[in-house]
Amino acid sequence: MRPLLAALVVLSACAGPPPADGPYGPDPYEPELEAAGLGGLTADQQATLRGLPFPVLVPGELGGFALERFAADSDGRFGSYALGYRRADGACFEVSGANEGLGGPEYPLVSTAVTIRDLGRTVRVYEAGDDPRGTSAQVWGVGTIVSEFVDLEGAGILFLSDTQGGCRPLPLEGAAEIVADLRLLPDGPTSSVAPSPRPTEPAPPTDPDALGRFAPADDLLVDYNAASTPEVAAEALARRYDADEVRVEPLAETSYEATVLVTALGLRDDSVRDERLRLTYAPYGPTWELVAAGRQTRCQPGRGHQGWSDGRCS
């Protein structure tokens, strides 16, 4: 039997179109009357998800996919949700989560590492084999794509694309792109109006050697940081900063090495005002992985050097 989220009443995200008034009676969300926002969700649906007792991940850019099924339930302490998406060619996927009754599924052997950019966290996405005699095909069904559970404050978020409801599973690469673009549902309603940009300083030199000395930042090498491009990997790392402005700028790239500069201005720190990282990535198969890192800082007034330096702030 395919592993399921026990707390979630699992109806496939890829089921055919529901009756006009929905499988559970009249649909209270009436999406045709409301503009859809992040993840194709209406304002009411977003509000329902925010009422769950754990953070929620939803898809970012949907491309040709449309939200076909929405389910969410909570008793205040425990909850679950499921978002089902379908594309005109029959491809489907589901993003679901729960904070009760999470099982430990047996994942297939074919997989790829994916960094969820909004979290700066890497998970594996698996594809069941084509051999029906193989364990992964028996458990999940041939061609099924499934992610590891993404742990968010005790809840498990799962990505799934399979053949239920007459759907066509996504290819592994396409599923990985959607997982990488999963985003935390913001606290307030999403808006299409961008905030006014903060004035920034002139761009740094494009020559990495012209930036001066960088102190080793080996602490950044402890966690796995890799993605399809050096810029995407650096963006995932940059999301860790709590700052007024964070920039990611490619400096140099060859077939065997790439250098990216991450600059964080206006840190929420008593000692360090600004920080920038020189990140070096090397290609490993289809991904670029962080292999070296350096750090420069500018200190808060009265706490040390005011220009970029490899020294420490007091």
C-alpha atoms as a PDB file:
ATOM      1  CA  MET A   1       0.000   0.000   0.000  1.00  0.00           C
ATOM      2  CA  ARG A   2       1.314   3.441  -0.804  1.00  0.00           C
ATOM      3  CA  PRO A   3       2.306   5.354   2.376  1.00  0.00           C
ATOM      4  CA  LEU A   4      -0.035   8.184   3.212  1.00  0.00           C
ATOM      5  CA  LEU A   5      -0.255  11.076   5.617  1.00  0.00           C
ATOM      6  CA  ALA A   6      -2.392   9.327   8.226  1.00  0.00           C
ATOM      7  CA  ALA A   7      -3.968  12.501   9.519  1.00  0.00           C
ATOM      8  CA  LEU A   8      -4.995  13.573   6.008  1.00  0.00           C
ATOM      9  CA  VAL A   9      -7.975  12.163   4.183  1.00  0.00           C
ATOM     10  CA  VAL A  10      -6.079  11.522   0.955  1.00  0.00           C
ATOM     11  CA  LEU A  11      -8.069  12.003  -2.209  1.00  0.00           C
ATOM     12  CA  SER A  12      -5.770  12.264  -5.195  1.00  0.00           C
ATOM     13  CA  ALA A  13      -4.750  15.722  -6.308  1.00  0.00           C
ATOM     14  CA  CYS A  14      -5.218  14.418  -9.791  1.00  0.00           C
ATOM     15  CA  ALA A  15      -8.862  13.316  -9.493  1.00  0.00           C
ATOM     16  CA  GLY A  16     -11.198  14.356 -12.265  1.00  0.00           C
ATOM     17  CA  PRO A  17     -13.230  17.588 -12.049  1.00  0.00           C
ATOM     18  CA  PRO A  18     -15.650  17.515  -9.070  1.00  0.00           C
ATOM     19  CA  PRO A  19     -19.394  17.992  -9.424  1.00  0.00           C
ATOM     20  CA  ALA A  20     -20.597  21.571  -9.751  1.00  0.00           C
ATOM     21  CA  ASP A  21     -21.210  21.916  -6.033  1.00  0.00           C
ATOM     22  CA  GLY A  22     -18.088  19.989  -4.955  1.00  0.00           C
ATOM     23  CA  PRO A  23     -17.620  16.544  -3.405  1.00  0.00           C
ATOM     24  CA  TYR A  24     -18.369  17.865   0.074  1.00  0.00           C
ATOM     25  CA  GLY A  25     -21.384  20.018  -0.767  1.00  0.00           C
ATOM     26  CA  PRO A  26     -21.414  23.641  -1.989  1.00  0.00           C
ATOM     27  CA  ASP A  27     -17.941  25.097  -2.393  1.00  0.00           C
ATOM     28  CA  PRO A  28     -17.613  28.040   0.046  1.00  0.00           C
ATOM     29  CA  TYR A  29     -14.474  29.385  -1.644  1.00  0.00           C
ATOM     30  CA  GLU A  30     -15.984  30.342  -5.032  1.00  0.00           C
ATOM     31  CA  PRO A  31     -12.552  30.867  -6.652  1.00  0.00           C
ATOM     32  CA  GLU A  32     -14.135  32.155  -9.848  1.00  0.00           C
ATOM     33  CA  LEU A  33     -15.245  35.247  -7.923  1.00  0.00           C
ATOM     34  CA  GLU A  34     -11.865  36.010  -6.389  1.00  0.00           C
ATOM     35  CA  ALA A  35      -8.458  36.818  -7.836  1.00  0.00           C
ATOM     36  CA  ALA A  36      -6.001  34.014  -7.212  1.00  0.00           C
ATOM     37  CA  GLY A  37      -2.709  34.806  -5.484  1.00  0.00           C
ATOM     38  CA  LEU A  38       0.358  32.783  -4.505  1.00  0.00           C
ATOM     39  CA  GLY A  39      -0.120  29.115  -5.360  1.00  0.00           C
ATOM     40  CA  GLY A  40      -3.336  29.936  -7.237  1.00  0.00           C
ATOM     41  CA  LEU A  41      -5.057  30.437  -3.863  1.00  0.00           C
ATOM     42  CA  THR A  42      -7.853  32.884  -3.204  1.00  0.00           C
ATOM     43  CA  ALA A  43      -7.740  35.207  -0.200  1.00  0.00           C
ATOM     44  CA  ASP A  44     -10.196  32.986   1.701  1.00  0.00           C
ATOM     45  CA  GLN A  45      -8.137  29.884   1.001  1.00  0.00           C
ATOM     46  CA  GLN A  46      -4.963  31.632   2.152  1.00  0.00           C
ATOM     47  CA  ALA A  47      -6.726  32.696   5.352  1.00  0.00           C
ATOM     48  CA  THR A  48      -7.823  29.099   5.969  1.00  0.00           C
ATOM     49  CA  LEU A  49      -4.248  27.847   5.567  1.00  0.00           C
ATOM     50  CA  ARG A  50      -2.921  30.538   7.900  1.00  0.00           C
ATOM     51  CA  GLY A  51      -5.306  29.192  10.536  1.00  0.00           C
ATOM     52  CA  LEU A  52      -3.488  25.849  10.594  1.00  0.00           C
ATOM     53  CA  PRO A  53      -1.243  25.224  13.634  1.00  0.00           C
ATOM     54  CA  PHE A  54       1.961  24.990  11.538  1.00  0.00           C
ATOM     55  CA  PRO A  55       3.693  26.830   8.663  1.00  0.00           C
ATOM     56  CA  VAL A  56       2.419  26.007   5.195  1.00  0.00           C
ATOM     57  CA  LEU A  57       4.354  25.551   1.960  1.00  0.00           C
ATOM     58  CA  VAL A  58       2.617  26.330  -1.343  1.00  0.00           C
ATOM     59  CA  PRO A  59       3.864  26.305  -4.955  1.00  0.00           C
ATOM     60  CA  GLY A  60       5.436  29.473  -6.338  1.00  0.00           C
ATOM     61  CA  GLU A  61       5.326  29.869 -10.125  1.00  0.00           C
ATOM     62  CA  LEU A  62       2.614  27.546 -11.447  1.00  0.00           C
ATOM     63  CA  GLY A  63       3.368  27.712 -15.150  1.00  0.00           C
ATOM     64  CA  GLY A  64       0.498  25.892 -16.863  1.00  0.00           C
ATOM     65  CA  PHE A  65      -0.847  24.277 -13.682  1.00  0.00           C
ATOM     66  CA  ALA A  66      -4.125  25.328 -12.068  1.00  0.00           C
ATOM     67  CA  LEU A  67      -5.411  24.631  -8.556  1.00  0.00           C
ATOM     68  CA  GLU A  68      -7.972  21.850  -8.882  1.00  0.00           C
ATOM     69  CA  ARG A  69      -8.524  20.722  -5.300  1.00  0.00           C
ATOM     70  CA  PHE A  70      -8.264  22.485  -1.956  1.00  0.00           C
ATOM     71  CA  ALA A  71      -8.690  20.779   1.417  1.00  0.00           C
ATOM     72  CA  ALA A  72      -7.757  22.006   4.886  1.00  0.00           C
ATOM     73  CA  ASP A  73      -8.876  21.001   8.363  1.00  0.00           C
ATOM     74  CA  SER A  74      -7.804  21.797  11.921  1.00  0.00           C
ATOM     75  CA  ASP A  75      -9.047  21.362  15.465  1.00  0.00           C
ATOM     76  CA  GLY A  76      -6.712  24.092  16.731  1.00  0.00           C
ATOM     77  CA  ARG A  77      -3.980  21.688  17.805  1.00  0.00           C
ATOM     78  CA  PHE A  78      -3.677  19.319  14.863  1.00  0.00           C
ATOM     79  CA  GLY A  79      -4.363  20.005  11.221  1.00  0.00           C
ATOM     80  CA  SER A  80      -3.786  18.985   7.630  1.00  0.00           C
ATOM     81  CA  TYR A  81      -4.060  20.394   4.131  1.00  0.00           C
ATOM     82  CA  ALA A  82      -3.827  19.246   0.514  1.00  0.00           C
ATOM     83  CA  LEU A  83      -3.481  21.313  -2.663  1.00  0.00           C
ATOM     84  CA  GLY A  84      -4.012  19.481  -5.963  1.00  0.00           C
ATOM     85  CA  TYR A  85      -2.861  20.934  -9.300  1.00  0.00           C
ATOM     86  CA  ARG A  86      -3.509  19.797 -12.885  1.00  0.00           C
ATOM     87  CA  ARG A  87      -2.148  20.881 -16.259  1.00  0.00           C
ATOM     88  CA  ALA A  88      -3.989  20.686 -19.582  1.00  0.00           C
ATOM     89  CA  ASP A  89      -1.809  17.764 -20.726  1.00  0.00           C
ATOM     90  CA  GLY A  90      -2.938  15.678 -17.740  1.00  0.00           C
ATOM     91  CA  ALA A  91       0.157  16.140 -15.571  1.00  0.00           C
ATOM     92  CA  CYS A  92      -0.708  16.567 -11.883  1.00  0.00           C
ATOM     93  CA  PHE A  93       0.938  17.095  -8.539  1.00  0.00           C
ATOM     94  CA  GLU A  94      -0.076  17.587  -4.929  1.00  0.00           C
ATOM     95  CA  VAL A  95       1.426  19.497  -2.005  1.00  0.00           C
ATOM     96  CA  SER A  96       0.097  18.324   1.352  1.00  0.00           C
ATOM     97  CA  GLY A  97       0.975  18.628   5.019  1.00  0.00           C
ATOM     98  CA  ALA A  98      -0.091  17.502   8.491  1.00  0.00           C
ATOM     99  CA  ASN A  99       1.240  17.652  12.033  1.00  0.00           C
ATOM    100  CA  GLU A 100      -0.241  14.384  13.266  1.00  0.00           C
ATOM    101  CA  GLY A 101       0.138  10.767  12.244  1.00  0.00           C
ATOM    102  CA  LEU A 102       3.142  11.120   9.944  1.00  0.00           C
ATOM    103  CA  GLY A 103       4.421   7.788   8.744  1.00  0.00           C
ATOM    104  CA  GLY A 104       7.860   6.833   7.514  1.00  0.00           C
ATOM    105  CA  PRO A 105       7.503   6.010   3.805  1.00  0.00           C
ATOM    106  CA  GLU A 106       9.912   3.711   1.986  1.00  0.00           C
ATOM    107  CA  TYR A 107      11.323   5.913  -0.750  1.00  0.00           C
ATOM    108  CA  PRO A 108      12.449   4.734  -4.218  1.00  0.00           C
ATOM    109  CA  LEU A 109      16.137   4.571  -5.084  1.00  0.00           C
ATOM    110  CA  VAL A 110      16.264   7.063  -7.986  1.00  0.00           C
ATOM    111  CA  SER A 111      16.429  10.579  -6.548  1.00  0.00           C
ATOM    112  CA  THR A 112      17.880  14.063  -6.801  1.00  0.00           C
ATOM    113  CA  ALA A 113      18.795  16.686  -4.195  1.00  0.00           C
ATOM    114  CA  VAL A 114      16.651  19.840  -4.300  1.00  0.00           C
ATOM    115  CA  THR A 115      17.181  23.061  -2.353  1.00  0.00           C
ATOM    116  CA  ILE A 116      13.924  24.818  -1.414  1.00  0.00           C
ATOM    117  CA  ARG A 117      15.017  28.377  -2.012  1.00  0.00           C
ATOM    118  CA  ASP A 118      12.541  29.967   0.392  1.00  0.00           C
ATOM    119  CA  LEU A 119      13.849  27.810   3.265  1.00  0.00           C
ATOM    120  CA  GLY A 120      17.498  27.380   2.269  1.00  0.00           C
ATOM    121  CA  ARG A 121      16.992  23.697   2.992  1.00  0.00           C
ATOM    122  CA  THR A 122      17.851  20.691   0.830  1.00  0.00           C
ATOM    123  CA  VAL A 123      15.584  17.640   0.508  1.00  0.00           C
ATOM    124  CA  ARG A 124      15.542  14.668  -1.823  1.00  0.00           C
ATOM    125  CA  VAL A 125      12.904  14.064  -4.481  1.00  0.00           C
ATOM    126  CA  TYR A 126      12.427  10.436  -5.566  1.00  0.00           C
ATOM    127  CA  GLU A 127      11.139   8.702  -8.697  1.00  0.00           C
ATOM    128  CA  ALA A 128       9.749   5.164  -8.651  1.00  0.00           C
ATOM    129  CA  GLY A 129      11.380   2.796 -11.110  1.00  0.00           C
ATOM    130  CA  ASP A 130       9.757   1.466 -14.279  1.00  0.00           C
ATOM    131  CA  ASP A 131      10.181  -2.184 -13.278  1.00  0.00           C
ATOM    132  CA  PRO A 132       6.885  -3.295 -11.649  1.00  0.00           C
ATOM    133  CA  ARG A 133       8.847  -6.014  -9.836  1.00  0.00           C
ATOM    134  CA  GLY A 134      10.962  -3.367  -8.102  1.00  0.00           C
ATOM    135  CA  THR A 135      10.165  -2.424  -4.520  1.00  0.00           C
ATOM    136  CA  SER A 136       9.738   1.265  -5.262  1.00  0.00           C
ATOM    137  CA  ALA A 137       7.248   0.576  -8.072  1.00  0.00           C
ATOM    138  CA  GLN A 138       5.274  -1.795  -5.832  1.00  0.00           C
ATOM    139  CA  VAL A 139       5.082   0.788  -3.053  1.00  0.00           C
ATOM    140  CA  TRP A 140       4.428   3.942  -5.055  1.00  0.00           C
ATOM    141  CA  GLY A 141       3.352   2.912  -8.556  1.00  0.00           C
ATOM    142  CA  VAL A 142       5.465   3.193 -11.703  1.00  0.00           C
ATOM    143  CA  GLY A 143       6.680   6.728 -12.388  1.00  0.00           C
ATOM    144  CA  THR A 144       5.498   8.182  -9.068  1.00  0.00           C
ATOM    145  CA  ILE A 145       7.414  11.260  -7.876  1.00  0.00           C
ATOM    146  CA  VAL A 146       7.526  11.879  -4.118  1.00  0.00           C
ATOM    147  CA  SER A 147       9.593  14.107  -1.867  1.00  0.00           C
ATOM    148  CA  GLU A 148      10.938  13.568   1.588  1.00  0.00           C
ATOM    149  CA  PHE A 149       8.820  15.102   4.310  1.00  0.00           C
ATOM    150  CA  VAL A 150       9.857  18.728   4.837  1.00  0.00           C
ATOM    151  CA  ASP A 151       9.813  19.251   8.610  1.00  0.00           C
ATOM    152  CA  LEU A 152       8.276  22.614   9.578  1.00  0.00           C
ATOM    153  CA  GLU A 153       7.801  23.076  13.307  1.00  0.00           C
ATOM    154  CA  GLY A 154       6.598  19.502  13.794  1.00  0.00           C
ATOM    155  CA  ALA A 155       4.540  19.294  10.598  1.00  0.00           C
ATOM    156  CA  GLY A 156       5.508  17.274   7.534  1.00  0.00           C
ATOM    157  CA  ILE A 157       5.028  18.745   4.053  1.00  0.00           C
ATOM    158  CA  LEU A 158       5.002  16.290   1.138  1.00  0.00           C
ATOM    159  CA  PHE A 159       5.161  16.718  -2.656  1.00  0.00           C
ATOM    160  CA  LEU A 160       3.524  13.941  -4.701  1.00  0.00           C
ATOM    161  CA  SER A 161       2.883  13.378  -8.426  1.00  0.00           C
ATOM    162  CA  ASP A 162       1.392  10.013  -9.452  1.00  0.00           C
ATOM    163  CA  THR A 163      -1.133   8.265 -11.695  1.00  0.00           C
ATOM    164  CA  GLN A 164      -4.153   8.514  -9.416  1.00  0.00           C
ATOM    165  CA  GLY A 165      -7.231   9.963 -11.070  1.00  0.00           C
ATOM    166  CA  GLY A 166      -5.893   9.274 -14.554  1.00  0.00           C
ATOM    167  CA  CYS A 167      -2.977  11.692 -14.106  1.00  0.00           C
ATOM    168  CA  ARG A 168       0.446  11.601 -15.699  1.00  0.00           C
ATOM    169  CA  PRO A 169       3.351  11.895 -13.229  1.00  0.00           C
ATOM    170  CA  LEU A 170       5.780  14.733 -13.800  1.00  0.00           C
ATOM    171  CA  PRO A 171       9.342  13.955 -14.891  1.00  0.00           C
ATOM    172  CA  LEU A 172      11.853  14.073 -12.056  1.00  0.00           C
ATOM    173  CA  GLU A 173      13.474  17.283 -13.336  1.00  0.00           C
ATOM    174  CA  GLY A 174      10.146  19.123 -13.632  1.00  0.00           C
ATOM    175  CA  ALA A 175       9.048  18.011 -10.169  1.00  0.00           C
ATOM    176  CA  ALA A 176      12.389  19.145  -8.716  1.00  0.00           C
ATOM    177  CA  GLU A 177      11.837  22.649 -10.127  1.00  0.00           C
ATOM    178  CA  ILE A 178       8.422  22.904  -8.443  1.00  0.00           C
ATOM    179  CA  VAL A 179       9.784  21.642  -5.117  1.00  0.00           C
ATOM    180  CA  ALA A 180      12.664  24.140  -5.286  1.00  0.00           C
ATOM    181  CA  ASP A 181      10.117  26.950  -5.732  1.00  0.00           C
ATOM    182  CA  LEU A 182       7.841  25.961  -2.821  1.00  0.00           C
ATOM    183  CA  ARG A 183       7.251  29.016  -0.666  1.00  0.00           C
ATOM    184  CA  LEU A 184       6.118  29.758   2.855  1.00  0.00           C
ATOM    185  CA  LEU A 185       2.645  31.238   2.871  1.00  0.00           C
ATOM    186  CA  PRO A 186       3.143  34.825   4.112  1.00  0.00           C
ATOM    187  CA  ASP A 187       1.353  36.104   7.206  1.00  0.00           C
ATOM    188  CA  GLY A 188      -0.645  38.688   5.283  1.00  0.00           C
ATOM    189  CA  PRO A 189      -2.411  38.670   1.899  1.00  0.00           C
ATOM    190  CA  THR A 190      -0.063  38.557  -1.073  1.00  0.00           C
ATOM    191  CA  SER A 191       0.248  41.672  -3.177  1.00  0.00           C
ATOM    192  CA  SER A 192       1.438  42.305  -6.708  1.00  0.00           C
ATOM    193  CA  VAL A 193       2.821  45.726  -5.736  1.00  0.00           C
ATOM    194  CA  ALA A 194       6.575  45.601  -5.126  1.00  0.00           C
ATOM    195  CA  PRO A 195       7.993  47.651  -2.214  1.00  0.00           C
ATOM    196  CA  SER A 196      10.093  50.698  -3.002  1.00  0.00           C
ATOM    197  CA  PRO A 197      13.742  49.664  -3.376  1.00  0.00           C
ATOM    198  CA  ARG A 198      16.204  50.669  -0.688  1.00  0.00           C
ATOM    199  CA  PRO A 199      19.033  52.899  -1.946  1.00  0.00           C
ATOM    200  CA  THR A 200      22.085  50.741  -2.522  1.00  0.00           C
ATOM    201  CA  GLU A 201      25.805  51.347  -2.768  1.00  0.00           C
ATOM    202  CA  PRO A 202      27.702  51.040  -6.057  1.00  0.00           C
ATOM    203  CA  ALA A 203      28.178  47.541  -7.420  1.00  0.00           C
ATOM    204  CA  PRO A 204      31.407  45.821  -6.332  1.00  0.00           C
ATOM    205  CA  PRO A 205      34.193  44.980  -8.805  1.00  0.00           C
ATOM    206  CA  THR A 206      33.450  41.946 -10.952  1.00  0.00           C
ATOM    207  CA  ASP A 207      36.984  40.607 -10.430  1.00  0.00           C
ATOM    208  CA  PRO A 208      36.881  38.426  -7.263  1.00  0.00           C
ATOM    209  CA  ASP A 209      40.530  39.249  -6.516  1.00  0.00           C
ATOM    210  CA  ALA A 210      39.756  43.011  -6.472  1.00  0.00           C
ATOM    211  CA  LEU A 211      37.503  42.652  -3.431  1.00  0.00           C
ATOM    212  CA  GLY A 212      40.361  42.318  -0.949  1.00  0.00           C
ATOM    213  CA  ARG A 213      41.029  39.656   1.659  1.00  0.00           C
ATOM    214  CA  PHE A 214      38.226  37.416   2.923  1.00  0.00           C
ATOM    215  CA  ALA A 215      38.341  35.507   6.187  1.00  0.00           C
ATOM    216  CA  PRO A 216      37.631  31.768   5.845  1.00  0.00           C
ATOM    217  CA  ALA A 217      33.931  30.984   6.319  1.00  0.00           C
ATOM    218  CA  ASP A 218      34.183  27.241   6.801  1.00  0.00           C
ATOM    219  CA  ASP A 219      31.004  27.264   8.897  1.00  0.00           C
ATOM    220  CA  LEU A 220      29.068  27.638   5.639  1.00  0.00           C
ATOM    221  CA  LEU A 221      30.473  24.345   4.367  1.00  0.00           C
ATOM    222  CA  VAL A 222      28.878  22.343   7.181  1.00  0.00           C
ATOM    223  CA  ASP A 223      25.418  22.425   5.573  1.00  0.00           C
ATOM    224  CA  TYR A 224      24.871  21.094   2.051  1.00  0.00           C
ATOM    225  CA  ASN A 225      24.411  23.979  -0.418  1.00  0.00           C
ATOM    226  CA  ALA A 226      23.905  23.041  -4.075  1.00  0.00           C
ATOM    227  CA  ALA A 227      21.508  23.740  -6.940  1.00  0.00           C
ATOM    228  CA  SER A 228      21.179  23.672 -10.709  1.00  0.00           C
ATOM    229  CA  THR A 229      23.182  26.937 -11.020  1.00  0.00           C
ATOM    230  CA  PRO A 230      25.631  28.743  -8.701  1.00  0.00           C
ATOM    231  CA  GLU A 231      23.263  31.725  -8.483  1.00  0.00           C
ATOM    232  CA  VAL A 232      20.302  29.591  -7.353  1.00  0.00           C
ATOM    233  CA  ALA A 233      22.452  27.869  -4.713  1.00  0.00           C
ATOM    234  CA  ALA A 234      23.727  31.232  -3.448  1.00  0.00           C
ATOM    235  CA  GLU A 235      20.180  32.613  -3.319  1.00  0.00           C
ATOM    236  CA  ALA A 236      19.154  29.746  -1.049  1.00  0.00           C
ATOM    237  CA  LEU A 237      22.035  30.517   1.302  1.00  0.00           C
ATOM    238  CA  ALA A 238      21.277  34.255   1.192  1.00  0.00           C
ATOM    239  CA  ARG A 239      17.731  33.682   2.485  1.00  0.00           C
ATOM    240  CA  ARG A 240      19.196  32.968   5.919  1.00  0.00           C
ATOM    241  CA  TYR A 241      19.985  36.656   6.447  1.00  0.00           C
ATOM    242  CA  ASP A 242      17.777  38.996   8.473  1.00  0.00           C
ATOM    243  CA  ALA A 243      18.758  42.281   6.825  1.00  0.00           C
ATOM    244  CA  ASP A 244      17.407  45.377   5.087  1.00  0.00           C
ATOM    245  CA  GLU A 245      18.761  44.246   1.736  1.00  0.00           C
ATOM    246  CA  VAL A 246      20.407  41.085   0.401  1.00  0.00           C
ATOM    247  CA  ARG A 247      22.030  40.903  -3.045  1.00  0.00           C
ATOM    248  CA  VAL A 248      23.348  37.927  -5.026  1.00  0.00           C
ATOM    249  CA  GLU A 249      25.810  38.802  -7.801  1.00  0.00           C
ATOM    250  CA  PRO A 250      27.715  36.374 -10.053  1.00  0.00           C
ATOM    251  CA  LEU A 251      31.366  37.414 -10.368  1.00  0.00           C
ATOM    252  CA  ALA A 252      33.037  34.813 -12.584  1.00  0.00           C
ATOM    253  CA  GLU A 253      32.295  31.403 -14.097  1.00  0.00           C
ATOM    254  CA  THR A 254      34.229  28.780 -16.040  1.00  0.00           C
ATOM    255  CA  SER A 255      33.417  25.175 -16.902  1.00  0.00           C
ATOM    256  CA  TYR A 256      34.995  24.015 -13.634  1.00  0.00           C
ATOM    257  CA  GLU A 257      34.387  26.850 -11.129  1.00  0.00           C
ATOM    258  CA  ALA A 258      32.039  29.761 -10.425  1.00  0.00           C
ATOM    259  CA  THR A 259      32.251  32.629  -7.923  1.00  0.00           C
ATOM    260  CA  VAL A 260      29.186  34.409  -6.500  1.00  0.00           C
ATOM    261  CA  LEU A 261      29.087  37.380  -4.098  1.00  0.00           C
ATOM    262  CA  VAL A 262      26.304  37.583  -1.493  1.00  0.00           C
ATOM    263  CA  THR A 263      25.984  40.991   0.196  1.00  0.00           C
ATOM    264  CA  ALA A 264      23.733  41.599   3.218  1.00  0.00           C
ATOM    265  CA  LEU A 265      23.220  45.256   4.200  1.00  0.00           C
ATOM    266  CA  GLY A 266      21.610  46.449   7.424  1.00  0.00           C
ATOM    267  CA  LEU A 267      21.921  43.307   9.524  1.00  0.00           C
ATOM    268  CA  ARG A 268      19.851  42.976  12.690  1.00  0.00           C
ATOM    269  CA  ASP A 269      23.014  42.589  14.743  1.00  0.00           C
ATOM    270  CA  ASP A 270      24.547  44.648  17.558  1.00  0.00           C
ATOM    271  CA  SER A 271      28.087  44.176  16.270  1.00  0.00           C
ATOM    272  CA  VAL A 272      28.082  43.554  12.502  1.00  0.00           C
ATOM    273  CA  ARG A 273      26.381  46.148  10.270  1.00  0.00           C
ATOM    274  CA  ASP A 274      26.978  44.545   6.852  1.00  0.00           C
ATOM    275  CA  GLU A 275      28.401  41.241   5.658  1.00  0.00           C
ATOM    276  CA  ARG A 276      29.379  39.808   2.313  1.00  0.00           C
ATOM    277  CA  LEU A 277      30.353  36.295   1.283  1.00  0.00           C
ATOM    278  CA  ARG A 278      32.542  35.164  -1.586  1.00  0.00           C
ATOM    279  CA  LEU A 279      31.184  31.726  -2.533  1.00  0.00           C
ATOM    280  CA  THR A 280      32.968  29.307  -4.838  1.00  0.00           C
ATOM    281  CA  TYR A 281      30.970  26.527  -6.523  1.00  0.00           C
ATOM    282  CA  ALA A 282      32.128  23.524  -8.543  1.00  0.00           C
ATOM    283  CA  PRO A 283      30.011  21.342 -10.878  1.00  0.00           C
ATOM    284  CA  TYR A 284      29.118  17.828  -9.754  1.00  0.00           C
ATOM    285  CA  GLY A 285      26.905  16.123 -12.315  1.00  0.00           C
ATOM    286  CA  PRO A 286      23.792  18.272 -12.857  1.00  0.00           C
ATOM    287  CA  THR A 287      24.412  20.485  -9.807  1.00  0.00           C
ATOM    288  CA  TRP A 288      26.844  23.138  -8.606  1.00  0.00           C
ATOM    289  CA  GLU A 289      28.036  22.574  -5.021  1.00  0.00           C
ATOM    290  CA  LEU A 290      29.650  25.010  -2.583  1.00  0.00           C
ATOM    291  CA  VAL A 291      33.325  24.120  -2.151  1.00  0.00           C
ATOM    292  CA  ALA A 292      34.835  27.276  -0.579  1.00  0.00           C
ATOM    293  CA  ALA A 293      33.598  30.403   1.190  1.00  0.00           C
ATOM    294  CA  GLY A 294      35.056  33.646   2.549  1.00  0.00           C
ATOM    295  CA  ARG A 295      33.582  36.430   4.673  1.00  0.00           C
ATOM    296  CA  GLN A 296      34.028  40.202   4.981  1.00  0.00           C
ATOM    297  CA  THR A 297      32.204  42.525   7.378  1.00  0.00           C
ATOM    298  CA  ARG A 298      31.570  46.164   8.187  1.00  0.00           C
ATOM    299  CA  CYS A 299      30.947  46.916  11.845  1.00  0.00           C
ATOM    300  CA  GLN A 300      28.301  48.925  13.612  1.00  0.00           C
ATOM    301  CA  PRO A 301      29.463  52.437  14.627  1.00  0.00           C
ATOM    302  CA  GLY A 302      31.882  52.188  17.527  1.00  0.00           C
ATOM    303  CA  ARG A 303      32.273  48.399  17.116  1.00  0.00           C
ATOM    304  CA  GLY A 304      35.254  48.296  14.734  1.00  0.00           C
ATOM    305  CA  HIS A 305      36.180  48.809  11.077  1.00  0.00           C
ATOM    306  CA  GLN A 306      33.718  50.720   8.903  1.00  0.00           C
ATOM    307  CA  GLY A 307      35.056  49.499   5.539  1.00  0.00           C
ATOM    308  CA  TRP A 308      34.939  45.962   4.133  1.00  0.00           C
ATOM    309  CA  SER A 309      37.498  43.873   6.001  1.00  0.00           C
ATOM    310  CA  ASP A 310      38.311  40.274   6.908  1.00  0.00           C
ATOM    311  CA  GLY A 311      38.685  41.365  10.549  1.00  0.00           C
ATOM    312  CA  ARG A 312      36.204  40.815  13.368  1.00  0.00           C
ATOM    313  CA  CYS A 313      33.851  43.345  14.911  1.00  0.00           C
ATOM    314  CA  SER A 314      33.908  43.882  18.664  1.00  0.00           C
END
